[in-house]
Full PDB file with SEQRES, HELIX, SHEET, SSBOND, CRYST1, ORIGX, SCALE, CONECT and MASTER records, all heavy atoms in Angstrom:
SEQRES   1 A   31  MET ARG ASN VAL THR GLU SER SER GLY GLY ARG VAL ILE          
SEQRES   2 A   31  VAL TYR ALA ALA ILE ARG MET ALA HIS ALA LEU GLY LYS          
SEQRES   3 A   31  LYS VAL ILE ALA GLU                                          
HELIX    1 AA1 SER A    8  ALA A   23  1                                  16    
CRYST1    1.000    1.000    1.000  90.00  90.00  90.00 P 1           1          
ORIGX1      1.000000  0.000000  0.000000        0.00000                         
ORIGX2      0.000000  1.000000  0.000000        0.00000                         
ORIGX3      0.000000  0.000000  1.000000        0.00000                         
SCALE1      1.000000  0.000000  0.000000        0.00000                         
SCALE2      0.000000  1.000000  0.000000        0.00000                         
SCALE3      0.000000  0.000000  1.000000        0.00000                         
ATOM      1  N   MET A   1      -1.034   1.282  -2.428  1.00  0.00           N  
ATOM      2  CA  MET A   1       0.349   0.873  -2.561  1.00  0.00           C  
ATOM      3  C   MET A   1       0.501  -0.682  -2.578  1.00  0.00           C  
ATOM      4  O   MET A   1       1.440  -1.170  -3.040  1.00  0.00           O  
ATOM      5  CB  MET A   1       1.302   1.428  -1.356  1.00  0.00           C  
ATOM      6  CG  MET A   1       1.516   2.946  -1.462  1.00  0.00           C  
ATOM      7  SD  MET A   1       2.115   3.518  -3.059  1.00  0.00           S  
ATOM      8  CE  MET A   1       3.604   2.581  -3.204  1.00  0.00           C  
ATOM      9  N   ARG A   2      -0.504  -1.367  -2.016  1.00  0.00           N  
ATOM     10  CA  ARG A   2      -0.514  -2.851  -2.031  1.00  0.00           C  
ATOM     11  C   ARG A   2      -0.492  -3.308  -3.474  1.00  0.00           C  
ATOM     12  O   ARG A   2      -1.303  -2.912  -4.319  1.00  0.00           O  
ATOM     13  CB  ARG A   2      -1.649  -3.361  -1.309  1.00  0.00           C  
ATOM     14  CG  ARG A   2      -1.582  -3.088   0.180  1.00  0.00           C  
ATOM     15  CD  ARG A   2      -2.743  -3.784   0.909  1.00  0.00           C  
ATOM     16  NE  ARG A   2      -2.776  -3.358   2.276  1.00  0.00           N  
ATOM     17  CZ  ARG A   2      -3.747  -2.648   2.657  1.00  0.00           C  
ATOM     18  NH1 ARG A   2      -4.822  -2.395   1.884  1.00  0.00           N  
ATOM     19  NH2 ARG A   2      -3.771  -2.155   3.966  1.00  0.00           N  
ATOM     20  N   ASN A   3       0.452  -4.001  -3.943  1.00  0.00           N  
ATOM     21  CA  ASN A   3       0.689  -4.593  -5.228  1.00  0.00           C  
ATOM     22  C   ASN A   3       0.836  -3.591  -6.296  1.00  0.00           C  
ATOM     23  O   ASN A   3       0.613  -3.913  -7.457  1.00  0.00           O  
ATOM     24  CB  ASN A   3      -0.576  -5.523  -5.494  1.00  0.00           C  
ATOM     25  CG  ASN A   3      -0.740  -6.619  -4.503  1.00  0.00           C  
ATOM     26  OD1 ASN A   3       0.215  -7.330  -4.051  1.00  0.00           O  
ATOM     27  ND2 ASN A   3      -1.899  -6.831  -4.100  1.00  0.00           N  
ATOM     28  N   VAL A   4       1.306  -2.418  -5.959  1.00  0.00           N  
ATOM     29  CA  VAL A   4       1.514  -1.299  -6.985  1.00  0.00           C  
ATOM     30  C   VAL A   4       2.507  -1.747  -7.945  1.00  0.00           C  
ATOM     31  O   VAL A   4       2.511  -1.354  -9.091  1.00  0.00           O  
ATOM     32  CB  VAL A   4       1.738   0.055  -6.311  1.00  0.00           C  
ATOM     33  CG1 VAL A   4       3.143   0.128  -5.800  1.00  0.00           C  
ATOM     34  CG2 VAL A   4       1.611   1.228  -7.332  1.00  0.00           C  
ATOM     35  N   THR A   5       3.453  -2.538  -7.527  1.00  0.00           N  
ATOM     36  CA  THR A   5       4.549  -2.938  -8.576  1.00  0.00           C  
ATOM     37  C   THR A   5       4.046  -4.008  -9.480  1.00  0.00           C  
ATOM     38  O   THR A   5       4.560  -4.329 -10.566  1.00  0.00           O  
ATOM     39  CB  THR A   5       5.834  -3.386  -7.766  1.00  0.00           C  
ATOM     40  OG1 THR A   5       5.456  -4.441  -6.802  1.00  0.00           O  
ATOM     41  CG2 THR A   5       6.443  -2.179  -7.104  1.00  0.00           C  
ATOM     42  N   GLU A   6       3.035  -4.779  -9.017  1.00  0.00           N  
ATOM     43  CA  GLU A   6       2.453  -5.858  -9.945  1.00  0.00           C  
ATOM     44  C   GLU A   6       1.155  -5.504 -10.661  1.00  0.00           C  
ATOM     45  O   GLU A   6       0.861  -6.154 -11.657  1.00  0.00           O  
ATOM     46  CB  GLU A   6       2.192  -7.107  -9.073  1.00  0.00           C  
ATOM     47  CG  GLU A   6       3.342  -7.837  -8.494  1.00  0.00           C  
ATOM     48  CD  GLU A   6       3.645  -7.218  -7.092  1.00  0.00           C  
ATOM     49  OE1 GLU A   6       2.724  -6.694  -6.383  1.00  0.00           O  
ATOM     50  OE2 GLU A   6       4.884  -7.266  -6.725  1.00  0.00           O  
ATOM     51  N   SER A   7       0.544  -4.446 -10.248  1.00  0.00           N  
ATOM     52  CA  SER A   7      -0.774  -4.078 -10.772  1.00  0.00           C  
ATOM     53  C   SER A   7      -0.653  -2.812 -11.710  1.00  0.00           C  
ATOM     54  O   SER A   7      -0.424  -1.753 -11.108  1.00  0.00           O  
ATOM     55  CB  SER A   7      -1.763  -3.947  -9.633  1.00  0.00           C  
ATOM     56  OG  SER A   7      -2.962  -3.251 -10.202  1.00  0.00           O  
ATOM     57  N   SER A   8      -0.912  -2.990 -12.890  1.00  0.00           N  
ATOM     58  CA  SER A   8      -0.922  -1.679 -13.785  1.00  0.00           C  
ATOM     59  C   SER A   8      -1.977  -0.729 -13.354  1.00  0.00           C  
ATOM     60  O   SER A   8      -1.804   0.440 -13.502  1.00  0.00           O  
ATOM     61  CB  SER A   8      -1.014  -2.164 -15.273  1.00  0.00           C  
ATOM     62  OG  SER A   8      -2.200  -2.721 -15.508  1.00  0.00           O  
ATOM     63  N   GLY A   9      -3.084  -1.355 -13.105  1.00  0.00           N  
ATOM     64  CA  GLY A   9      -4.212  -0.390 -12.602  1.00  0.00           C  
ATOM     65  C   GLY A   9      -3.797   0.359 -11.291  1.00  0.00           C  
ATOM     66  O   GLY A   9      -4.175   1.568 -11.198  1.00  0.00           O  
ATOM     67  N   GLY A  10      -3.196  -0.286 -10.360  1.00  0.00           N  
ATOM     68  CA  GLY A  10      -2.749   0.347  -9.128  1.00  0.00           C  
ATOM     69  C   GLY A  10      -1.637   1.394  -9.448  1.00  0.00           C  
ATOM     70  O   GLY A  10      -1.721   2.484  -8.966  1.00  0.00           O  
ATOM     71  N   ARG A  11      -0.888   1.143 -10.371  1.00  0.00           N  
ATOM     72  CA  ARG A  11       0.249   2.096 -10.827  1.00  0.00           C  
ATOM     73  C   ARG A  11      -0.373   3.383 -11.422  1.00  0.00           C  
ATOM     74  O   ARG A  11      -0.057   4.474 -11.202  1.00  0.00           O  
ATOM     75  CB  ARG A  11       1.238   1.546 -11.781  1.00  0.00           C  
ATOM     76  CG  ARG A  11       2.286   0.764 -11.114  1.00  0.00           C  
ATOM     77  CD  ARG A  11       3.422   0.405 -12.188  1.00  0.00           C  
ATOM     78  NE  ARG A  11       2.963  -0.383 -13.289  1.00  0.00           N  
ATOM     79  CZ  ARG A  11       2.759  -1.690 -13.337  1.00  0.00           C  
ATOM     80  NH1 ARG A  11       3.019  -2.426 -12.269  1.00  0.00           N  
ATOM     81  NH2 ARG A  11       2.471  -2.361 -14.479  1.00  0.00           N  
ATOM     82  N   VAL A  12      -1.494   3.152 -12.252  1.00  0.00           N  
ATOM     83  CA  VAL A  12      -2.122   4.268 -12.920  1.00  0.00           C  
ATOM     84  C   VAL A  12      -2.782   5.199 -11.911  1.00  0.00           C  
ATOM     85  O   VAL A  12      -2.706   6.336 -11.973  1.00  0.00           O  
ATOM     86  CB  VAL A  12      -3.133   3.719 -13.942  1.00  0.00           C  
ATOM     87  CG1 VAL A  12      -4.139   4.836 -14.408  1.00  0.00           C  
ATOM     88  CG2 VAL A  12      -2.470   2.996 -15.152  1.00  0.00           C  
ATOM     89  N   ILE A  13      -3.395   4.603 -10.943  1.00  0.00           N  
ATOM     90  CA  ILE A  13      -4.127   5.351  -9.799  1.00  0.00           C  
ATOM     91  C   ILE A  13      -3.230   6.194  -9.063  1.00  0.00           C  
ATOM     92  O   ILE A  13      -3.357   7.369  -8.898  1.00  0.00           O  
ATOM     93  CB  ILE A  13      -4.953   4.433  -8.948  1.00  0.00           C  
ATOM     94  CG1 ILE A  13      -6.152   3.945  -9.791  1.00  0.00           C  
ATOM     95  CG2 ILE A  13      -5.461   5.170  -7.724  1.00  0.00           C  
ATOM     96  CD1 ILE A  13      -6.940   2.878  -9.054  1.00  0.00           C  
ATOM     97  N   VAL A  14      -1.978   5.599  -8.587  1.00  0.00           N  
ATOM     98  CA  VAL A  14      -1.043   6.315  -7.948  1.00  0.00           C  
ATOM     99  C   VAL A  14      -0.434   7.409  -8.673  1.00  0.00           C  
ATOM    100  O   VAL A  14      -0.264   8.506  -8.267  1.00  0.00           O  
ATOM    101  CB  VAL A  14       0.136   5.322  -7.310  1.00  0.00           C  
ATOM    102  CG1 VAL A  14       1.169   6.049  -6.691  1.00  0.00           C  
ATOM    103  CG2 VAL A  14      -0.553   4.305  -6.306  1.00  0.00           C  
ATOM    104  N   TYR A  15      -0.061   7.006  -9.926  1.00  0.00           N  
ATOM    105  CA  TYR A  15       0.575   8.050 -10.774  1.00  0.00           C  
ATOM    106  C   TYR A  15      -0.458   9.248 -11.069  1.00  0.00           C  
ATOM    107  O   TYR A  15      -0.100  10.435 -10.956  1.00  0.00           O  
ATOM    108  CB  TYR A  15       1.022   7.491 -12.201  1.00  0.00           C  
ATOM    109  CG  TYR A  15       1.663   8.441 -13.117  1.00  0.00           C  
ATOM    110  CD1 TYR A  15       2.976   8.829 -12.820  1.00  0.00           C  
ATOM    111  CD2 TYR A  15       0.998   8.846 -14.211  1.00  0.00           C  
ATOM    112  CE1 TYR A  15       3.478   9.624 -13.747  1.00  0.00           C  
ATOM    113  CE2 TYR A  15       1.669   9.670 -15.103  1.00  0.00           C  
ATOM    114  CZ  TYR A  15       2.846  10.160 -14.773  1.00  0.00           C  
ATOM    115  OH  TYR A  15       3.530  11.065 -15.628  1.00  0.00           O  
ATOM    116  N   ALA A  16      -1.634   8.881 -11.235  1.00  0.00           N  
ATOM    117  CA  ALA A  16      -2.682  10.000 -11.502  1.00  0.00           C  
ATOM    118  C   ALA A  16      -2.770  10.947 -10.250  1.00  0.00           C  
ATOM    119  O   ALA A  16      -2.905  12.122 -10.388  1.00  0.00           O  
ATOM    120  CB  ALA A  16      -3.994   9.441 -11.865  1.00  0.00           C  
ATOM    121  N   ALA A  17      -2.826  10.295  -9.080  1.00  0.00           N  
ATOM    122  CA  ALA A  17      -2.959  11.011  -7.804  1.00  0.00           C  
ATOM    123  C   ALA A  17      -1.813  11.996  -7.640  1.00  0.00           C  
ATOM    124  O   ALA A  17      -1.969  13.074  -7.346  1.00  0.00           O  
ATOM    125  CB  ALA A  17      -3.046  10.127  -6.573  1.00  0.00           C  
ATOM    126  N   ILE A  18      -0.556  11.514  -7.941  1.00  0.00           N  
ATOM    127  CA  ILE A  18       0.662  12.362  -7.856  1.00  0.00           C  
ATOM    128  C   ILE A  18       0.515  13.446  -8.872  1.00  0.00           C  
ATOM    129  O   ILE A  18       0.795  14.599  -8.446  1.00  0.00           O  
ATOM    130  CB  ILE A  18       1.862  11.475  -7.989  1.00  0.00           C  
ATOM    131  CG1 ILE A  18       2.094  10.461  -6.851  1.00  0.00           C  
ATOM    132  CG2 ILE A  18       3.088  12.441  -8.213  1.00  0.00           C  
ATOM    133  CD1 ILE A  18       3.157   9.423  -7.125  1.00  0.00           C  
ATOM    134  N   ARG A  19       0.313  13.160 -10.123  1.00  0.00           N  
ATOM    135  CA  ARG A  19       0.223  14.216 -11.092  1.00  0.00           C  
ATOM    136  C   ARG A  19      -0.868  15.256 -10.751  1.00  0.00           C  
ATOM    137  O   ARG A  19      -0.671  16.429 -10.939  1.00  0.00           O  
ATOM    138  CB  ARG A  19      -0.114  13.613 -12.517  1.00  0.00           C  
ATOM    139  CG  ARG A  19       0.920  12.656 -13.016  1.00  0.00           C  
ATOM    140  CD  ARG A  19       2.135  13.277 -13.805  1.00  0.00           C  
ATOM    141  NE  ARG A  19       3.006  14.205 -13.178  1.00  0.00           N  
ATOM    142  CZ  ARG A  19       3.970  13.989 -12.329  1.00  0.00           C  
ATOM    143  NH1 ARG A  19       4.322  12.790 -11.990  1.00  0.00           N  
ATOM    144  NH2 ARG A  19       4.723  14.938 -11.926  1.00  0.00           N  
ATOM    145  N   MET A  20      -1.984  14.875 -10.330  1.00  0.00           N  
ATOM    146  CA  MET A  20      -3.169  15.765 -10.096  1.00  0.00           C  
ATOM    147  C   MET A  20      -2.674  16.629  -8.777  1.00  0.00           C  
ATOM    148  O   MET A  20      -2.840  17.870  -8.893  1.00  0.00           O  
ATOM    149  CB  MET A  20      -4.352  14.945  -9.724  1.00  0.00           C  
ATOM    150  CG  MET A  20      -5.514  15.785  -9.222  1.00  0.00           C  
ATOM    151  SD  MET A  20      -7.003  14.939  -8.800  1.00  0.00           S  
ATOM    152  CE  MET A  20      -6.373  13.815  -7.553  1.00  0.00           C  
ATOM    153  N   ALA A  21      -2.125  16.056  -7.831  1.00  0.00           N  
ATOM    154  CA  ALA A  21      -1.590  16.874  -6.678  1.00  0.00           C  
ATOM    155  C   ALA A  21      -0.611  17.945  -7.101  1.00  0.00           C  
ATOM    156  O   ALA A  21      -0.697  19.054  -6.725  1.00  0.00           O  
ATOM    157  CB  ALA A  21      -1.085  15.926  -5.705  1.00  0.00           C  
ATOM    158  N   HIS A  22       0.295  17.520  -7.878  1.00  0.00           N  
ATOM    159  CA  HIS A  22       1.387  18.422  -8.372  1.00  0.00           C  
ATOM    160  C   HIS A  22       0.707  19.468  -9.137  1.00  0.00           C  
ATOM    161  O   HIS A  22       1.165  20.642  -9.116  1.00  0.00           O  
ATOM    162  CB  HIS A  22       2.468  17.652  -9.168  1.00  0.00           C  
ATOM    163  CG  HIS A  22       3.353  16.872  -8.257  1.00  0.00           C  
ATOM    164  ND1 HIS A  22       4.272  15.935  -8.717  1.00  0.00           N  
ATOM    165  CD2 HIS A  22       3.523  16.829  -6.907  1.00  0.00           C  
ATOM    166  CE1 HIS A  22       4.963  15.426  -7.698  1.00  0.00           C  
ATOM    167  NE2 HIS A  22       4.424  16.030  -6.629  1.00  0.00           N  
ATOM    168  N   ALA A  23      -0.213  19.125 -10.054  1.00  0.00           N  
ATOM    169  CA  ALA A  23      -0.913  20.203 -10.955  1.00  0.00           C  
ATOM    170  C   ALA A  23      -1.594  21.242  -9.997  1.00  0.00           C  
ATOM    171  O   ALA A  23      -1.627  22.395 -10.449  1.00  0.00           O  
ATOM    172  CB  ALA A  23      -1.821  19.469 -11.837  1.00  0.00           C  
ATOM    173  N   LEU A  24      -1.999  20.798  -8.848  1.00  0.00           N  
ATOM    174  CA  LEU A  24      -2.648  21.751  -7.961  1.00  0.00           C  
ATOM    175  C   LEU A  24      -1.730  22.462  -6.948  1.00  0.00           C  
ATOM    176  O   LEU A  24      -2.133  23.082  -6.012  1.00  0.00           O  
ATOM    177  CB  LEU A  24      -3.717  20.902  -7.188  1.00  0.00           C  
ATOM    178  CG  LEU A  24      -5.000  20.543  -8.033  1.00  0.00           C  
ATOM    179  CD1 LEU A  24      -5.830  19.472  -7.172  1.00  0.00           C  
ATOM    180  CD2 LEU A  24      -5.755  21.665  -8.486  1.00  0.00           C  
ATOM    181  N   GLY A  25      -0.464  22.220  -7.094  1.00  0.00           N  
ATOM    182  CA  GLY A  25       0.548  22.767  -6.271  1.00  0.00           C  
ATOM    183  C   GLY A  25       0.801  22.153  -4.868  1.00  0.00           C  
ATOM    184  O   GLY A  25       1.291  22.789  -3.974  1.00  0.00           O  
ATOM    185  N   LYS A  26       0.362  20.811  -4.865  1.00  0.00           N  
ATOM    186  CA  LYS A  26       0.381  20.144  -3.566  1.00  0.00           C  
ATOM    187  C   LYS A  26       1.607  19.136  -3.611  1.00  0.00           C  
ATOM    188  O   LYS A  26       2.059  18.704  -4.662  1.00  0.00           O  
ATOM    189  CB  LYS A  26      -0.858  19.312  -3.291  1.00  0.00           C  
ATOM    190  CG  LYS A  26      -2.041  20.009  -3.596  1.00  0.00           C  
ATOM    191  CD  LYS A  26      -2.559  20.868  -2.515  1.00  0.00           C  
ATOM    192  CE  LYS A  26      -3.907  21.400  -2.714  1.00  0.00           C  
ATOM    193  NZ  LYS A  26      -4.073  22.819  -2.336  1.00  0.00           N  
ATOM    194  N   LYS A  27       2.202  18.846  -2.465  1.00  0.00           N  
ATOM    195  CA  LYS A  27       3.160  17.764  -2.303  1.00  0.00           C  
ATOM    196  C   LYS A  27       2.416  16.529  -2.003  1.00  0.00           C  
ATOM    197  O   LYS A  27       1.278  16.436  -1.609  1.00  0.00           O  
ATOM    198  CB  LYS A  27       4.152  18.030  -1.190  1.00  0.00           C  
ATOM    199  CG  LYS A  27       4.954  19.362  -1.351  1.00  0.00           C  
ATOM    200  CD  LYS A  27       6.031  19.132  -2.245  1.00  0.00           C  
ATOM    201  CE  LYS A  27       6.983  20.425  -2.385  1.00  0.00           C  
ATOM    202  NZ  LYS A  27       7.965  20.290  -3.308  1.00  0.00           N  
ATOM    203  N   VAL A  28       3.170  15.363  -2.210  1.00  0.00           N  
ATOM    204  CA  VAL A  28       2.590  14.018  -2.095  1.00  0.00           C  
ATOM    205  C   VAL A  28       3.435  13.149  -1.162  1.00  0.00           C  
ATOM    206  O   VAL A  28       4.654  13.025  -1.386  1.00  0.00           O  
ATOM    207  CB  VAL A  28       2.391  13.270  -3.375  1.00  0.00           C  
ATOM    208  CG1 VAL A  28       1.760  11.920  -3.210  1.00  0.00           C  
ATOM    209  CG2 VAL A  28       1.592  14.173  -4.400  1.00  0.00           C  
ATOM    210  N   ILE A  29       2.771  12.504  -0.268  1.00  0.00           N  
ATOM    211  CA  ILE A  29       3.376  11.435   0.610  1.00  0.00           C  
ATOM    212  C   ILE A  29       2.726  10.020   0.235  1.00  0.00           C  
ATOM    213  O   ILE A  29       1.468   9.903   0.226  1.00  0.00           O  
ATOM    214  CB  ILE A  29       3.275  11.617   2.091  1.00  0.00           C  
ATOM    215  CG1 ILE A  29       3.848  12.963   2.492  1.00  0.00           C  
ATOM    216  CG2 ILE A  29       3.738  10.441   2.944  1.00  0.00           C  
ATOM    217  CD1 ILE A  29       3.523  13.335   3.997  1.00  0.00           C  
ATOM    218  N   ALA A  30       3.412   9.018  -0.154  1.00  0.00           N  
ATOM    219  CA  ALA A  30       2.943   7.740  -0.322  1.00  0.00           C  
ATOM    220  C   ALA A  30       3.103   6.966   0.924  1.00  0.00           C  
ATOM    221  O   ALA A  30       4.223   6.836   1.449  1.00  0.00           O  
ATOM    222  CB  ALA A  30       3.594   6.998  -1.564  1.00  0.00           C  
ATOM    223  N   GLU A  31       1.915   6.505   1.471  1.00  0.00           N  
ATOM    224  CA  GLU A  31       1.965   5.665   2.752  1.00  0.00           C  
ATOM    225  C   GLU A  31       2.150   4.239   2.347  1.00  0.00           C  
ATOM    226  O   GLU A  31       1.697   3.852   1.287  1.00  0.00           O  
ATOM    227  CB  GLU A  31       0.694   5.901   3.454  1.00  0.00           C  
ATOM    228  CG  GLU A  31       0.302   7.224   3.978  1.00  0.00           C  
ATOM    229  CD  GLU A  31      -1.017   7.233   4.727  1.00  0.00           C  
ATOM    230  OE1 GLU A  31      -1.864   6.463   4.372  1.00  0.00           O  
ATOM    231  OE2 GLU A  31      -1.136   8.154   5.494  1.00  0.00           O  
TER     232      GLU A  31                                                      
MASTER        0    0    0    1    0    0    0    6  231    1    0    3          
END                                                                             
């Protein structure tokens, strides 16, 4: 989450983790 709003790479990683978790039927908490 550090610098996620400024870093396109960070955004991609967080978005991918959320999509992957949802595709597997899991909920996501961002710390």
